[in-house]
C-alpha atoms as a PDB file:
ATOM      1  CA  MET A   1     262.452-189.623  22.327  1.00  0.00           C
ATOM      2  CA  PRO A   2     259.112-188.532  20.833  1.00  0.00           C
ATOM      3  CA  GLU A   3     256.868-186.627  23.220  1.00  0.00           C
ATOM      4  CA  ILE A   4     253.280-187.878  23.132  1.00  0.00           C
ATOM      5  CA  CYS A   5     251.744-185.776  25.904  1.00  0.00           C
ATOM      6  CA  ARG A   6     252.449-182.982  28.378  1.00  0.00           C
ATOM      7  CA  PHE A   7     250.397-182.008  31.441  1.00  0.00           C
ATOM      8  CA  LEU A   8     250.962-180.524  34.905  1.00  0.00           C
ATOM      9  CA  GLY A   9     254.698-180.213  34.221  1.00  0.00           C
ATOM     10  CA  ILE A  10     254.919-183.911  33.271  1.00  0.00           C
ATOM     11  CA  VAL A  11     256.282-184.945  29.868  1.00  0.00           C
ATOM     12  CA  ILE A  12     255.254-188.374  28.540  1.00  0.00           C
ATOM     13  CA  ALA A  13     257.394-189.953  25.806  1.00  0.00           C
ATOM     14  CA  MET A  14     258.255-193.262  24.147  1.00  0.00           C
ATOM     15  CA  TYR A  15     261.467-194.421  22.540  1.00  0.00           C
ATOM     16  CA  TYR A  16     261.494-196.201  19.198  1.00  0.00           C
ATOM     17  CA  ARG A  17     262.126-199.957  19.048  1.00  0.00           C
ATOM     18  CA  GLU A  18     262.094-200.393  22.830  1.00  0.00           C
ATOM     19  CA  HIS A  19     262.318-203.615  24.802  1.00  0.00           C
ATOM     20  CA  GLN A  20     259.304-205.362  26.340  1.00  0.00           C
ATOM     21  CA  PRO A  21     257.118-204.940  28.362  1.00  0.00           C
ATOM     22  CA  PRO A  22     255.093-202.089  26.807  1.00  0.00           C
ATOM     23  CA  HIS A  23     256.018-198.935  28.704  1.00  0.00           C
ATOM     24  CA  PHE A  24     256.542-195.196  28.471  1.00  0.00           C
ATOM     25  CA  HIS A  25     258.840-192.652  30.091  1.00  0.00           C
ATOM     26  CA  ALA A  26     257.619-189.776  32.251  1.00  0.00           C
ATOM     27  CA  LYS A  27     259.797-186.794  33.119  1.00  0.00           C
ATOM     28  CA  TYR A  28     259.009-184.327  35.876  1.00  0.00           C
ATOM     29  CA  GLY A  29     261.686-181.713  36.467  1.00  0.00           C
ATOM     30  CA  ASP A  30     264.963-183.617  36.849  1.00  0.00           C
ATOM     31  CA  MET A  31     263.210-186.875  37.762  1.00  0.00           C
ATOM     32  CA  VAL A  32     262.329-189.680  35.377  1.00  0.00           C
ATOM     33  CA  GLY A  33     260.144-192.733  35.741  1.00  0.00           C
ATOM     34  CA  VAL A  34     259.237-195.663  33.513  1.00  0.00           C
ATOM     35  CA  PHE A  35     255.654-196.928  33.639  1.00  0.00           C
ATOM     36  CA  SER A  36     254.245-200.276  32.548  1.00  0.00           C
ATOM     37  CA  ILE A  37     251.182-199.777  30.351  1.00  0.00           C
ATOM     38  CA  ASN A  38     249.689-203.197  31.070  1.00  0.00           C
ATOM     39  CA  ASP A  39     250.330-203.273  34.816  1.00  0.00           C
ATOM     40  CA  LEU A  40     249.647-199.579  35.490  1.00  0.00           C
ATOM     41  CA  LYS A  41     252.673-199.156  37.726  1.00  0.00           C
ATOM     42  CA  LEU A  42     256.026-197.440  38.029  1.00  0.00           C
ATOM     43  CA  ILE A  43     258.677-200.013  37.065  1.00  0.00           C
ATOM     44  CA  GLU A  44     261.804-197.867  37.146  1.00  0.00           C
ATOM     45  CA  GLY A  45     262.915-194.507  38.515  1.00  0.00           C
ATOM     46  CA  LYS A  46     261.537-192.261  41.216  1.00  0.00           C
ATOM     47  CA  LEU A  47     258.893-189.549  41.147  1.00  0.00           C
ATOM     48  CA  PRO A  48     256.803-187.806  43.814  1.00  0.00           C
ATOM     49  CA  LYS A  49     253.740-189.832  44.854  1.00  0.00           C
ATOM     50  CA  ARG A  50     251.369-187.110  43.715  1.00  0.00           C
ATOM     51  CA  VAL A  51     252.955-187.094  40.235  1.00  0.00           C
ATOM     52  CA  ILE A  52     252.742-190.904  40.066  1.00  0.00           C
ATOM     53  CA  THR A  53     249.029-190.671  40.918  1.00  0.00           C
ATOM     54  CA  PHE A  54     248.418-188.206  38.067  1.00  0.00           C
ATOM     55  CA  ILE A  55     250.384-190.331  35.604  1.00  0.00           C
ATOM     56  CA  LEU A  56     248.560-193.532  36.561  1.00  0.00           C
ATOM     57  CA  GLU A  57     245.178-191.798  36.252  1.00  0.00           C
ATOM     58  CA  TRP A  58     246.161-190.572  32.785  1.00  0.00           C
ATOM     59  CA  THR A  59     247.482-194.025  31.819  1.00  0.00           C
ATOM     60  CA  PHE A  60     244.227-195.692  32.859  1.00  0.00           C
ATOM     61  CA  GLU A  61     242.237-193.256  30.694  1.00  0.00           C
ATOM     62  CA  HIS A  62     244.485-193.711  27.640  1.00  0.00           C
ATOM     63  CA  ARG A  63     245.705-197.320  27.852  1.00  0.00           C
ATOM     64  CA  GLU A  64     244.485-198.310  24.368  1.00  0.00           C
ATOM     65  CA  GLU A  65     246.068-195.243  22.765  1.00  0.00           C
ATOM     66  CA  LEU A  66     249.325-195.960  24.594  1.00  0.00           C
ATOM     67  CA  LEU A  67     249.371-199.561  23.374  1.00  0.00           C
ATOM     68  CA  LYS A  68     248.751-198.390  19.809  1.00  0.00           C
ATOM     69  CA  ASN A  69     251.641-195.929  20.129  1.00  0.00           C
ATOM     70  CA  TRP A  70     253.784-198.741  21.582  1.00  0.00           C
ATOM     71  CA  GLU A  71     253.231-200.785  18.415  1.00  0.00           C
ATOM     72  CA  LEU A  72     253.936-197.773  16.201  1.00  0.00           C
ATOM     73  CA  ALA A  73     257.171-197.092  18.096  1.00  0.00           C
ATOM     74  CA  ARG A  74     258.268-200.722  17.783  1.00  0.00           C
ATOM     75  CA  GLU A  75     257.750-200.397  14.011  1.00  0.00           C
ATOM     76  CA  GLY A  76     259.607-197.068  13.854  1.00  0.00           C
ATOM     77  CA  LYS A  77     256.482-195.178  12.744  1.00  0.00           C
ATOM     78  CA  PRO A  78     255.376-191.696  13.867  1.00  0.00           C
ATOM     79  CA  LEU A  79     253.536-191.646  17.180  1.00  0.00           C
ATOM     80  CA  ASN A  80     250.146-190.091  17.859  1.00  0.00           C
ATOM     81  CA  LYS A  81     249.693-187.304  20.382  1.00  0.00           C
ATOM     82  CA  ILE A  82     247.446-188.177  23.329  1.00  0.00           C
ATOM     83  CA  GLU A  83     245.177-185.740  25.158  1.00  0.00           C
ATOM     84  CA  PRO A  84     246.480-184.489  28.525  1.00  0.00           C
ATOM     85  CA  LEU A  85     244.923-185.183  31.901  1.00  0.00           C
ATOM     86  CA  GLU A  86     242.034-182.786  32.525  1.00  0.00           C
END
């Protein structure tokens, strides 16, 4: 699972050739969540509310980059790193 970003102890990654809808995986400690890029929401898993807030803020700022990486992942191409939340 290629890592595309890391901030505040959160690791953001995407799998290659994933199923729809466009999404990414976020890991925080032992917890994992799956986030919809288009809907800006947690669609699977469980994370602390504060962590979800940080991830959604980051997603909003980088939605276009995430969608581009989604297409690259679906094609099995290398993914681009994305800047962390500041």
